[in-house]
Amino acid sequence: MEEMFLSPYAKKSIDTVGRLNAETPCPMRTEFQRDRDRIIHCKSFRRLKNKTQVFFSPEGDHYRTRLTHTLSVSQVARSIARALSLNEDLTEAIALGHDLGHTPFGHSGERILSKLNPNGFSHNIQSGRVVDYLEKDGKGLNLTREVVDGIVNHKMSCTPSTLEGMAVNIADRIAYVNHDIDDAIAGGFISVSDLPKSTVEILGTDSSQRINAMVYSIYAESDGKNKVEMQEEVAKATLELRSFLFERVYNDITFKKEEEKADRMITALYGYFKKNLKLLPEFNYKELENYDVDTVLCDYISSMSDGYVVNLFTELFVPDKWKY
């Protein structure tokens, strides 16, 4: 079916580079389908539901989390892949796994760990470490190299080796630009009238119109070609919206104050366990046989959900109540 229906530029299952450890093929699923299933069923994927997207611990049921962001990226990326006759299974697997290594408290947590770790910290690299090693108590998920490549290279500054990886790379940007605008409007940080007029004229006024315009632009520019790119005018409008979000939302004083709280908690936990390595969970303590302290601490803390950080910080540093 892949040979019959996919683009000549699509990555076909039969052409996979393979896994770190060879496995017997499944009689029912392609290699990329197996990878998608493994990601959905892993612990790191489930933890995404309690990790911040942009808003720290928002009150309300409709704000995005890292999990709903991941599902949005998957849907947009699949729409792109289907329109361009790319491998939808490979695309979905990359999209579902792209943020498995993300920190608690979103990009704030990432910046904090990067500051604490002398070697730096990037969530995309950590996501690759999660699927190759950390999952299943050090065994990893043993995914195909194409899926891991797409996961590690999903950031805007990276270049994946497959068109499917490129579809996820651009879908990530489409998803967060649009749903972060929705959340910022719902939270009262901006209004529709604040959006740059030049972007509204090109992309539309609501997320549905914008996403449709962006995806259609990719189809119009890339169909039948060895690339996944937006038309120039739409690409510029998308980057303008992204810059608008950094200026009006991501760098807003409200978020900076919350980031200061996250900084204090994560820094305290990092320092505490660096002085008390034997109190690390058994798996992380055993990691020290093969990895440096800072790598192990980042493995442990980046895996935490927002609530786990708060609860652990409270347990270690906030005195218990008592009656006199």
C-alpha atoms as a PDB file:
ATOM      1  CA  MET A   1       0.000   0.000   0.000  1.00  0.00           C
ATOM      2  CA  GLU A   2       2.863   2.400   0.762  1.00  0.00           C
ATOM      3  CA  GLU A   3       4.427   1.655  -2.629  1.00  0.00           C
ATOM      4  CA  MET A   4       1.098   2.245  -4.360  1.00  0.00           C
ATOM      5  CA  PHE A   5      -0.081   5.398  -2.642  1.00  0.00           C
ATOM      6  CA  LEU A   6       2.814   7.317  -1.079  1.00  0.00           C
ATOM      7  CA  SER A   7       4.844  10.041  -2.720  1.00  0.00           C
ATOM      8  CA  PRO A   8       8.233   9.041  -4.143  1.00  0.00           C
ATOM      9  CA  TYR A   9       9.682  11.430  -1.555  1.00  0.00           C
ATOM     10  CA  ALA A  10       7.967   9.703   1.395  1.00  0.00           C
ATOM     11  CA  LYS A  11       9.909   7.445   3.752  1.00  0.00           C
ATOM     12  CA  LYS A  12       8.569   3.914   3.327  1.00  0.00           C
ATOM     13  CA  SER A  13       8.672   1.338   6.089  1.00  0.00           C
ATOM     14  CA  ILE A  14      10.645  -1.112   3.999  1.00  0.00           C
ATOM     15  CA  ASP A  15      13.417   1.472   3.649  1.00  0.00           C
ATOM     16  CA  THR A  16      13.894   2.119   7.363  1.00  0.00           C
ATOM     17  CA  VAL A  17      17.448   2.208   8.643  1.00  0.00           C
ATOM     18  CA  GLY A  18      16.177   0.014  11.462  1.00  0.00           C
ATOM     19  CA  ARG A  19      16.472  -0.050  15.250  1.00  0.00           C
ATOM     20  CA  LEU A  20      19.425  -0.032  17.625  1.00  0.00           C
ATOM     21  CA  ASN A  21      18.547  -3.637  18.415  1.00  0.00           C
ATOM     22  CA  ALA A  22      17.081  -5.727  15.592  1.00  0.00           C
ATOM     23  CA  GLU A  23      13.639  -7.243  16.197  1.00  0.00           C
ATOM     24  CA  THR A  24      11.425  -9.766  14.450  1.00  0.00           C
ATOM     25  CA  PRO A  25       8.991  -7.867  12.173  1.00  0.00           C
ATOM     26  CA  CYS A  26       5.341  -7.708  13.202  1.00  0.00           C
ATOM     27  CA  PRO A  27       2.954  -9.553  10.831  1.00  0.00           C
ATOM     28  CA  MET A  28       0.231  -6.891  11.266  1.00  0.00           C
ATOM     29  CA  ARG A  29       1.970  -3.531  11.638  1.00  0.00           C
ATOM     30  CA  THR A  30       4.696  -1.629   9.843  1.00  0.00           C
ATOM     31  CA  GLU A  31       7.770  -0.621  11.799  1.00  0.00           C
ATOM     32  CA  PHE A  32       6.516   2.952  12.140  1.00  0.00           C
ATOM     33  CA  GLN A  33       3.112   1.797  13.382  1.00  0.00           C
ATOM     34  CA  ARG A  34       4.863  -0.195  16.089  1.00  0.00           C
ATOM     35  CA  ASP A  35       6.810   2.885  17.134  1.00  0.00           C
ATOM     36  CA  ARG A  36       3.626   4.945  17.400  1.00  0.00           C
ATOM     37  CA  ASP A  37       2.030   2.297  19.614  1.00  0.00           C
ATOM     38  CA  ARG A  38       5.071   2.073  21.883  1.00  0.00           C
ATOM     39  CA  ILE A  39       5.088   5.829  22.417  1.00  0.00           C
ATOM     40  CA  ILE A  40       1.371   5.999  23.241  1.00  0.00           C
ATOM     41  CA  HIS A  41       1.724   3.264  25.858  1.00  0.00           C
ATOM     42  CA  CYS A  42       4.884   4.554  27.571  1.00  0.00           C
ATOM     43  CA  LYS A  43       4.971   6.307  30.942  1.00  0.00           C
ATOM     44  CA  SER A  44       6.563   9.496  29.633  1.00  0.00           C
ATOM     45  CA  PHE A  45       3.612  10.031  27.301  1.00  0.00           C
ATOM     46  CA  ARG A  46       1.123   9.716  30.161  1.00  0.00           C
ATOM     47  CA  ARG A  47       3.050  12.243  32.261  1.00  0.00           C
ATOM     48  CA  LEU A  48       2.559  14.918  29.611  1.00  0.00           C
ATOM     49  CA  LYS A  49      -0.994  15.480  30.821  1.00  0.00           C
ATOM     50  CA  ASN A  50       0.356  17.166  33.976  1.00  0.00           C
ATOM     51  CA  LYS A  51       3.083  19.282  32.393  1.00  0.00           C
ATOM     52  CA  THR A  52       2.713  22.965  31.549  1.00  0.00           C
ATOM     53  CA  GLN A  53       2.332  24.177  27.993  1.00  0.00           C
ATOM     54  CA  VAL A  54       2.378  27.954  28.668  1.00  0.00           C
ATOM     55  CA  PHE A  55       0.122  28.674  31.656  1.00  0.00           C
ATOM     56  CA  PHE A  56       1.330  27.432  35.057  1.00  0.00           C
ATOM     57  CA  SER A  57      -1.413  25.557  36.953  1.00  0.00           C
ATOM     58  CA  PRO A  58      -4.328  27.357  35.259  1.00  0.00           C
ATOM     59  CA  GLU A  59      -7.806  27.220  36.730  1.00  0.00           C
ATOM     60  CA  GLY A  60     -10.180  25.856  34.118  1.00  0.00           C
ATOM     61  CA  ASP A  61     -10.586  22.760  32.016  1.00  0.00           C
ATOM     62  CA  HIS A  62      -9.797  24.191  28.606  1.00  0.00           C
ATOM     63  CA  TYR A  63      -6.209  25.415  28.812  1.00  0.00           C
ATOM     64  CA  ARG A  64      -3.648  23.401  26.911  1.00  0.00           C
ATOM     65  CA  THR A  65      -1.200  21.053  28.598  1.00  0.00           C
ATOM     66  CA  ARG A  66       1.872  19.452  27.106  1.00  0.00           C
ATOM     67  CA  LEU A  67      -0.289  16.431  26.225  1.00  0.00           C
ATOM     68  CA  THR A  68      -3.012  18.367  24.405  1.00  0.00           C
ATOM     69  CA  HIS A  69      -0.254  20.282  22.592  1.00  0.00           C
ATOM     70  CA  THR A  70       1.232  16.963  21.486  1.00  0.00           C
ATOM     71  CA  LEU A  71      -2.134  15.788  20.175  1.00  0.00           C
ATOM     72  CA  SER A  72      -2.580  19.067  18.294  1.00  0.00           C
ATOM     73  CA  VAL A  73       0.849  18.697  16.694  1.00  0.00           C
ATOM     74  CA  SER A  74      -0.010  15.140  15.711  1.00  0.00           C
ATOM     75  CA  GLN A  75      -3.256  16.184  14.058  1.00  0.00           C
ATOM     76  CA  VAL A  76      -1.713  19.085  12.115  1.00  0.00           C
ATOM     77  CA  ALA A  77       1.289  16.975  11.063  1.00  0.00           C
ATOM     78  CA  ARG A  78      -0.969  14.159   9.878  1.00  0.00           C
ATOM     79  CA  SER A  79      -3.011  16.616   7.828  1.00  0.00           C
ATOM     80  CA  ILE A  80       0.184  17.817   6.165  1.00  0.00           C
ATOM     81  CA  ALA A  81       1.421  14.262   5.578  1.00  0.00           C
ATOM     82  CA  ARG A  82      -1.865  13.126   4.086  1.00  0.00           C
ATOM     83  CA  ALA A  83      -2.094  16.150   1.782  1.00  0.00           C
ATOM     84  CA  LEU A  84       1.447  15.522   0.504  1.00  0.00           C
ATOM     85  CA  SER A  85       1.109  11.703   0.393  1.00  0.00           C
ATOM     86  CA  LEU A  86       3.836  11.247   2.977  1.00  0.00           C
ATOM     87  CA  ASN A  87       4.049   8.378   5.470  1.00  0.00           C
ATOM     88  CA  GLU A  88       1.365   9.230   8.007  1.00  0.00           C
ATOM     89  CA  ASP A  89       2.423   6.495  10.462  1.00  0.00           C
ATOM     90  CA  LEU A  90       5.987   7.818  10.619  1.00  0.00           C
ATOM     91  CA  THR A  91       4.700  11.369  10.953  1.00  0.00           C
ATOM     92  CA  GLU A  92       2.351  10.452  13.800  1.00  0.00           C
ATOM     93  CA  ALA A  93       5.017   8.523  15.690  1.00  0.00           C
ATOM     94  CA  ILE A  94       7.410  11.486  15.558  1.00  0.00           C
ATOM     95  CA  ALA A  95       4.686  13.937  16.599  1.00  0.00           C
ATOM     96  CA  LEU A  96       3.519  11.860  19.556  1.00  0.00           C
ATOM     97  CA  GLY A  97       7.090  11.450  20.823  1.00  0.00           C
ATOM     98  CA  HIS A  98       8.496  14.893  20.117  1.00  0.00           C
ATOM     99  CA  ASP A  99       8.025  16.316  23.646  1.00  0.00           C
ATOM    100  CA  LEU A 100       8.544  13.209  25.805  1.00  0.00           C
ATOM    101  CA  GLY A 101      11.651  14.775  27.333  1.00  0.00           C
ATOM    102  CA  HIS A 102      10.056  18.118  28.119  1.00  0.00           C
ATOM    103  CA  THR A 103      10.468  19.562  31.581  1.00  0.00           C
ATOM    104  CA  PRO A 104       7.859  20.527  34.164  1.00  0.00           C
ATOM    105  CA  PHE A 105       6.729  24.165  33.816  1.00  0.00           C
ATOM    106  CA  GLY A 106       7.235  24.213  30.055  1.00  0.00           C
ATOM    107  CA  HIS A 107      10.093  26.159  28.501  1.00  0.00           C
ATOM    108  CA  SER A 108      10.682  27.890  31.839  1.00  0.00           C
ATOM    109  CA  GLY A 109      11.745  24.543  33.279  1.00  0.00           C
ATOM    110  CA  GLU A 110      13.950  23.944  30.259  1.00  0.00           C
ATOM    111  CA  ARG A 111      15.736  27.283  30.736  1.00  0.00           C
ATOM    112  CA  ILE A 112      16.220  26.576  34.447  1.00  0.00           C
ATOM    113  CA  LEU A 113      17.771  23.130  33.896  1.00  0.00           C
ATOM    114  CA  SER A 114      19.954  24.498  31.102  1.00  0.00           C
ATOM    115  CA  LYS A 115      21.264  27.098  33.557  1.00  0.00           C
ATOM    116  CA  LEU A 116      21.885  24.536  36.321  1.00  0.00           C
ATOM    117  CA  ASN A 117      23.554  21.913  34.139  1.00  0.00           C
ATOM    118  CA  PRO A 118      27.075  22.933  33.011  1.00  0.00           C
ATOM    119  CA  ASN A 119      26.455  20.907  29.847  1.00  0.00           C
ATOM    120  CA  GLY A 120      23.169  22.677  29.123  1.00  0.00           C
ATOM    121  CA  PHE A 121      19.777  21.079  28.560  1.00  0.00           C
ATOM    122  CA  SER A 122      17.501  20.886  25.504  1.00  0.00           C
ATOM    123  CA  HIS A 123      14.124  19.157  25.634  1.00  0.00           C
ATOM    124  CA  ASN A 124      14.430  17.793  22.091  1.00  0.00           C
ATOM    125  CA  ILE A 125      17.733  16.046  22.893  1.00  0.00           C
ATOM    126  CA  GLN A 126      16.226  14.796  26.140  1.00  0.00           C
ATOM    127  CA  SER A 127      13.247  13.380  24.231  1.00  0.00           C
ATOM    128  CA  GLY A 128      15.684  11.291  22.201  1.00  0.00           C
ATOM    129  CA  ARG A 129      17.335  10.145  25.425  1.00  0.00           C
ATOM    130  CA  VAL A 130      13.950   9.155  26.831  1.00  0.00           C
ATOM    131  CA  VAL A 131      13.058   6.883  23.913  1.00  0.00           C
ATOM    132  CA  ASP A 132      16.554   5.456  23.450  1.00  0.00           C
ATOM    133  CA  TYR A 133      17.398   4.839  27.093  1.00  0.00           C
ATOM    134  CA  LEU A 134      15.285   6.144  29.973  1.00  0.00           C
ATOM    135  CA  GLU A 135      11.978   4.446  29.210  1.00  0.00           C
ATOM    136  CA  LYS A 136      11.369   0.927  30.497  1.00  0.00           C
ATOM    137  CA  ASP A 137      13.967   1.302  33.269  1.00  0.00           C
ATOM    138  CA  GLY A 138      16.943   1.832  31.022  1.00  0.00           C
ATOM    139  CA  LYS A 139      15.929  -0.422  28.138  1.00  0.00           C
ATOM    140  CA  GLY A 140      14.398   2.335  26.020  1.00  0.00           C
ATOM    141  CA  LEU A 141      11.663   1.870  23.427  1.00  0.00           C
ATOM    142  CA  ASN A 142      14.054   0.720  20.676  1.00  0.00           C
ATOM    143  CA  LEU A 143      12.423   2.917  18.039  1.00  0.00           C
ATOM    144  CA  THR A 144      13.428   3.160  14.401  1.00  0.00           C
ATOM    145  CA  ARG A 145      16.121   5.702  13.662  1.00  0.00           C
ATOM    146  CA  GLU A 146      13.778   7.761  11.466  1.00  0.00           C
ATOM    147  CA  VAL A 147      11.392   8.335  14.380  1.00  0.00           C
ATOM    148  CA  VAL A 148      14.218   9.240  16.758  1.00  0.00           C
ATOM    149  CA  ASP A 149      15.729  11.595  14.172  1.00  0.00           C
ATOM    150  CA  GLY A 150      12.387  13.389  13.798  1.00  0.00           C
ATOM    151  CA  ILE A 151      11.964  13.652  17.569  1.00  0.00           C
ATOM    152  CA  VAL A 152      15.442  15.069  18.166  1.00  0.00           C
ATOM    153  CA  ASN A 153      15.162  17.496  15.239  1.00  0.00           C
ATOM    154  CA  HIS A 154      11.649  18.849  15.773  1.00  0.00           C
ATOM    155  CA  LYS A 155      12.789  22.303  16.905  1.00  0.00           C
ATOM    156  CA  MET A 156      12.594  25.223  14.488  1.00  0.00           C
ATOM    157  CA  SER A 157      16.406  25.488  14.323  1.00  0.00           C
ATOM    158  CA  CYS A 158      16.843  21.816  13.360  1.00  0.00           C
ATOM    159  CA  THR A 159      16.601  19.945  10.046  1.00  0.00           C
ATOM    160  CA  PRO A 160      15.148  16.408  10.154  1.00  0.00           C
ATOM    161  CA  SER A 161      16.350  13.818   7.640  1.00  0.00           C
ATOM    162  CA  THR A 162      12.848  12.918   6.379  1.00  0.00           C
ATOM    163  CA  LEU A 163       9.959  14.949   4.990  1.00  0.00           C
ATOM    164  CA  GLU A 164       7.802  13.391   7.698  1.00  0.00           C
ATOM    165  CA  GLY A 165      10.133  14.870  10.313  1.00  0.00           C
ATOM    166  CA  MET A 166       9.908  18.207   8.545  1.00  0.00           C
ATOM    167  CA  ALA A 167       6.103  17.994   8.667  1.00  0.00           C
ATOM    168  CA  VAL A 168       6.268  17.608  12.462  1.00  0.00           C
ATOM    169  CA  ASN A 169       8.848  20.396  12.735  1.00  0.00           C
ATOM    170  CA  ILE A 170       6.511  22.875  11.046  1.00  0.00           C
ATOM    171  CA  ALA A 171       3.346  21.419  12.633  1.00  0.00           C
ATOM    172  CA  ASP A 172       4.800  22.065  16.095  1.00  0.00           C
ATOM    173  CA  ARG A 173       5.081  25.750  15.252  1.00  0.00           C
ATOM    174  CA  ILE A 174       1.601  25.884  13.713  1.00  0.00           C
ATOM    175  CA  ALA A 175       0.076  24.204  16.757  1.00  0.00           C
ATOM    176  CA  TYR A 176       1.677  26.262  19.516  1.00  0.00           C
ATOM    177  CA  VAL A 177       1.297  29.616  17.763  1.00  0.00           C
ATOM    178  CA  ASN A 178      -2.420  29.045  17.370  1.00  0.00           C
ATOM    179  CA  HIS A 179      -3.360  27.399  20.639  1.00  0.00           C
ATOM    180  CA  ASP A 180      -1.166  29.766  22.667  1.00  0.00           C
ATOM    181  CA  ILE A 181      -3.047  32.686  21.107  1.00  0.00           C
ATOM    182  CA  ASP A 182      -6.338  31.023  22.094  1.00  0.00           C
ATOM    183  CA  ASP A 183      -5.166  30.481  25.684  1.00  0.00           C
ATOM    184  CA  ALA A 184      -3.787  34.011  25.960  1.00  0.00           C
ATOM    185  CA  ILE A 185      -7.116  35.441  24.788  1.00  0.00           C
ATOM    186  CA  ALA A 186      -9.036  33.189  27.191  1.00  0.00           C
ATOM    187  CA  GLY A 187      -6.723  34.290  30.016  1.00  0.00           C
ATOM    188  CA  GLY A 188      -7.267  37.964  29.273  1.00  0.00           C
ATOM    189  CA  PHE A 189      -3.652  38.693  28.312  1.00  0.00           C
ATOM    190  CA  ILE A 190      -4.555  39.799  24.797  1.00  0.00           C
ATOM    191  CA  SER A 191      -7.670  40.280  22.678  1.00  0.00           C
ATOM    192  CA  VAL A 192      -8.373  39.440  19.050  1.00  0.00           C
ATOM    193  CA  SER A 193      -8.011  43.124  18.185  1.00  0.00           C
ATOM    194  CA  ASP A 194      -4.392  43.034  19.445  1.00  0.00           C
ATOM    195  CA  LEU A 195      -3.287  40.579  16.755  1.00  0.00           C
ATOM    196  CA  PRO A 196      -1.132  42.181  14.053  1.00  0.00           C
ATOM    197  CA  LYS A 197      -3.474  43.321  11.284  1.00  0.00           C
ATOM    198  CA  SER A 198      -1.095  42.136   8.582  1.00  0.00           C
ATOM    199  CA  THR A 199      -1.355  38.546   9.901  1.00  0.00           C
ATOM    200  CA  VAL A 200      -5.142  38.702  10.225  1.00  0.00           C
ATOM    201  CA  GLU A 201      -5.448  39.751   6.582  1.00  0.00           C
ATOM    202  CA  ILE A 202      -3.364  36.793   5.442  1.00  0.00           C
ATOM    203  CA  LEU A 203      -4.292  34.079   7.941  1.00  0.00           C
ATOM    204  CA  GLY A 204      -7.712  34.985   9.357  1.00  0.00           C
ATOM    205  CA  THR A 205      -9.074  35.943  12.752  1.00  0.00           C
ATOM    206  CA  ASP A 206      -9.443  32.604  14.563  1.00  0.00           C
ATOM    207  CA  SER A 207      -7.335  29.476  15.016  1.00  0.00           C
ATOM    208  CA  SER A 208      -9.405  27.396  12.607  1.00  0.00           C
ATOM    209  CA  GLN A 209      -8.898  29.874   9.784  1.00  0.00           C
ATOM    210  CA  ARG A 210      -5.216  30.312  10.593  1.00  0.00           C
ATOM    211  CA  ILE A 211      -4.418  26.608  10.772  1.00  0.00           C
ATOM    212  CA  ASN A 212      -6.301  25.943   7.544  1.00  0.00           C
ATOM    213  CA  ALA A 213      -4.420  28.766   5.806  1.00  0.00           C
ATOM    214  CA  MET A 214      -1.055  27.517   7.059  1.00  0.00           C
ATOM    215  CA  VAL A 215      -1.625  23.875   6.132  1.00  0.00           C
ATOM    216  CA  TYR A 216      -3.064  24.759   2.730  1.00  0.00           C
ATOM    217  CA  SER A 217      -0.048  26.979   2.106  1.00  0.00           C
ATOM    218  CA  ILE A 218       2.245  23.996   2.722  1.00  0.00           C
ATOM    219  CA  TYR A 219       0.214  21.885   0.304  1.00  0.00           C
ATOM    220  CA  ALA A 220       0.254  24.591  -2.371  1.00  0.00           C
ATOM    221  CA  GLU A 221       3.996  25.126  -2.011  1.00  0.00           C
ATOM    222  CA  SER A 222       5.185  21.530  -1.535  1.00  0.00           C
ATOM    223  CA  ASP A 223       2.825  19.095  -3.304  1.00  0.00           C
ATOM    224  CA  GLY A 224       4.795  16.854  -5.637  1.00  0.00           C
ATOM    225  CA  LYS A 225       8.109  18.315  -4.455  1.00  0.00           C
ATOM    226  CA  ASN A 226      10.887  17.137  -2.168  1.00  0.00           C
ATOM    227  CA  LYS A 227      10.146  19.668   0.559  1.00  0.00           C
ATOM    228  CA  VAL A 228       7.670  20.691   3.267  1.00  0.00           C
ATOM    229  CA  GLU A 229       7.466  24.481   3.311  1.00  0.00           C
ATOM    230  CA  MET A 230       4.900  27.261   3.520  1.00  0.00           C
ATOM    231  CA  GLN A 231       4.475  29.871   0.829  1.00  0.00           C
ATOM    232  CA  GLU A 232       6.669  32.871   1.625  1.00  0.00           C
ATOM    233  CA  GLU A 233       3.847  35.276   2.524  1.00  0.00           C
ATOM    234  CA  VAL A 234       2.209  32.812   4.934  1.00  0.00           C
ATOM    235  CA  ALA A 235       5.563  31.828   6.459  1.00  0.00           C
ATOM    236  CA  LYS A 236       6.323  35.481   7.213  1.00  0.00           C
ATOM    237  CA  ALA A 237       2.882  35.997   8.766  1.00  0.00           C
ATOM    238  CA  THR A 238       3.364  32.893  10.935  1.00  0.00           C
ATOM    239  CA  LEU A 239       6.736  34.127  12.203  1.00  0.00           C
ATOM    240  CA  GLU A 240       5.206  37.528  12.882  1.00  0.00           C
ATOM    241  CA  LEU A 241       2.550  35.910  15.061  1.00  0.00           C
ATOM    242  CA  ARG A 242       5.265  33.942  16.852  1.00  0.00           C
ATOM    243  CA  SER A 243       7.209  37.140  17.553  1.00  0.00           C
ATOM    244  CA  PHE A 244       3.992  38.779  18.778  1.00  0.00           C
ATOM    245  CA  LEU A 245       3.518  35.939  21.288  1.00  0.00           C
ATOM    246  CA  PHE A 246       7.032  36.356  22.653  1.00  0.00           C
ATOM    247  CA  GLU A 247       6.514  40.075  23.059  1.00  0.00           C
ATOM    248  CA  ARG A 248       3.011  40.090  24.509  1.00  0.00           C
ATOM    249  CA  VAL A 249       2.610  36.703  26.211  1.00  0.00           C
ATOM    250  CA  TYR A 250       5.733  34.627  26.847  1.00  0.00           C
ATOM    251  CA  ASN A 251       7.664  37.609  28.239  1.00  0.00           C
ATOM    252  CA  ASP A 252       4.723  39.051  30.167  1.00  0.00           C
ATOM    253  CA  ILE A 253       5.562  39.982  33.765  1.00  0.00           C
ATOM    254  CA  THR A 254       2.917  37.547  35.052  1.00  0.00           C
ATOM    255  CA  PHE A 255       4.756  34.606  33.484  1.00  0.00           C
ATOM    256  CA  LYS A 256       8.122  35.891  34.645  1.00  0.00           C
ATOM    257  CA  LYS A 257       6.897  35.953  38.237  1.00  0.00           C
ATOM    258  CA  GLU A 258       5.663  32.381  37.940  1.00  0.00           C
ATOM    259  CA  GLU A 259       8.960  31.373  36.352  1.00  0.00           C
ATOM    260  CA  GLU A 260      10.775  32.783  39.392  1.00  0.00           C
ATOM    261  CA  LYS A 261       8.768  30.433  41.609  1.00  0.00           C
ATOM    262  CA  ALA A 262       9.543  27.479  39.349  1.00  0.00           C
ATOM    263  CA  ASP A 263      13.210  28.505  39.378  1.00  0.00           C
ATOM    264  CA  ARG A 264      13.342  28.463  43.180  1.00  0.00           C
ATOM    265  CA  MET A 265      11.737  25.033  43.396  1.00  0.00           C
ATOM    266  CA  ILE A 266      13.747  23.340  40.653  1.00  0.00           C
ATOM    267  CA  THR A 267      17.023  24.926  41.814  1.00  0.00           C
ATOM    268  CA  ALA A 268      16.368  23.798  45.381  1.00  0.00           C
ATOM    269  CA  LEU A 269      15.605  20.223  44.278  1.00  0.00           C
ATOM    270  CA  TYR A 270      18.650  20.134  42.005  1.00  0.00           C
ATOM    271  CA  GLY A 271      20.930  21.300  44.821  1.00  0.00           C
ATOM    272  CA  TYR A 272      19.363  18.997  47.392  1.00  0.00           C
ATOM    273  CA  PHE A 273      19.817  15.821  45.372  1.00  0.00           C
ATOM    274  CA  LYS A 274      23.279  16.863  44.239  1.00  0.00           C
ATOM    275  CA  LYS A 275      24.275  16.856  47.925  1.00  0.00           C
ATOM    276  CA  ASN A 276      22.238  13.732  48.724  1.00  0.00           C
ATOM    277  CA  LEU A 277      22.754  11.428  45.745  1.00  0.00           C
ATOM    278  CA  LYS A 278      21.819   8.332  47.714  1.00  0.00           C
ATOM    279  CA  LEU A 279      18.289   9.714  48.101  1.00  0.00           C
ATOM    280  CA  LEU A 280      17.707   9.603  44.349  1.00  0.00           C
ATOM    281  CA  PRO A 281      15.308   6.921  43.100  1.00  0.00           C
ATOM    282  CA  GLU A 282      17.043   3.574  42.648  1.00  0.00           C
ATOM    283  CA  PHE A 283      17.119   3.768  38.857  1.00  0.00           C
ATOM    284  CA  ASN A 284      18.622   7.265  38.796  1.00  0.00           C
ATOM    285  CA  TYR A 285      21.175   6.416  41.484  1.00  0.00           C
ATOM    286  CA  LYS A 286      22.293   3.417  39.445  1.00  0.00           C
ATOM    287  CA  GLU A 287      22.687   5.707  36.421  1.00  0.00           C
ATOM    288  CA  LEU A 288      25.650   7.323  38.178  1.00  0.00           C
ATOM    289  CA  GLU A 289      27.724   4.262  37.227  1.00  0.00           C
ATOM    290  CA  ASN A 290      27.620   5.402  33.589  1.00  0.00           C
ATOM    291  CA  TYR A 291      26.626   9.080  33.555  1.00  0.00           C
ATOM    292  CA  ASP A 292      27.765  12.275  35.259  1.00  0.00           C
ATOM    293  CA  VAL A 293      25.807  13.754  38.139  1.00  0.00           C
ATOM    294  CA  ASP A 294      24.292  16.642  36.173  1.00  0.00           C
ATOM    295  CA  THR A 295      22.975  14.356  33.428  1.00  0.00           C
ATOM    296  CA  VAL A 296      21.353  12.116  36.030  1.00  0.00           C
ATOM    297  CA  LEU A 297      19.794  15.044  37.874  1.00  0.00           C
ATOM    298  CA  CYS A 298      18.340  16.348  34.606  1.00  0.00           C
ATOM    299  CA  ASP A 299      16.973  12.878  33.818  1.00  0.00           C
ATOM    300  CA  TYR A 300      15.219  12.814  37.175  1.00  0.00           C
ATOM    301  CA  ILE A 301      13.886  16.367  37.346  1.00  0.00           C
ATOM    302  CA  SER A 302      12.875  16.703  33.693  1.00  0.00           C
ATOM    303  CA  SER A 303      10.711  13.598  34.059  1.00  0.00           C
ATOM    304  CA  MET A 304       8.646  15.190  36.844  1.00  0.00           C
ATOM    305  CA  SER A 305       5.184  16.640  36.334  1.00  0.00           C
ATOM    306  CA  ASP A 306       4.407  20.139  37.618  1.00  0.00           C
ATOM    307  CA  GLY A 307       2.478  18.762  40.580  1.00  0.00           C
ATOM    308  CA  TYR A 308       5.226  16.313  41.490  1.00  0.00           C
ATOM    309  CA  VAL A 309       7.759  19.165  41.692  1.00  0.00           C
ATOM    310  CA  VAL A 310       5.476  21.179  43.970  1.00  0.00           C
ATOM    311  CA  ASN A 311       4.709  18.199  46.216  1.00  0.00           C
ATOM    312  CA  LEU A 312       8.334  17.088  46.471  1.00  0.00           C
ATOM    313  CA  PHE A 313       9.501  20.643  47.192  1.00  0.00           C
ATOM    314  CA  THR A 314       6.837  20.948  49.896  1.00  0.00           C
ATOM    315  CA  GLU A 315       7.847  17.625  51.417  1.00  0.00           C
ATOM    316  CA  LEU A 316      11.548  18.519  51.529  1.00  0.00           C
ATOM    317  CA  PHE A 317      11.519  22.230  52.348  1.00  0.00           C
ATOM    318  CA  VAL A 318       8.190  23.264  53.882  1.00  0.00           C
ATOM    319  CA  PRO A 319       7.719  22.460  57.602  1.00  0.00           C
ATOM    320  CA  ASP A 320       4.809  20.213  58.526  1.00  0.00           C
ATOM    321  CA  LYS A 321       1.868  21.703  60.392  1.00  0.00           C
ATOM    322  CA  TRP A 322       1.654  20.826  64.069  1.00  0.00           C
ATOM    323  CA  LYS A 323      -0.558  21.708  66.973  1.00  0.00           C
ATOM    324  CA  TYR A 324       0.558  23.196  70.284  1.00  0.00           C
END
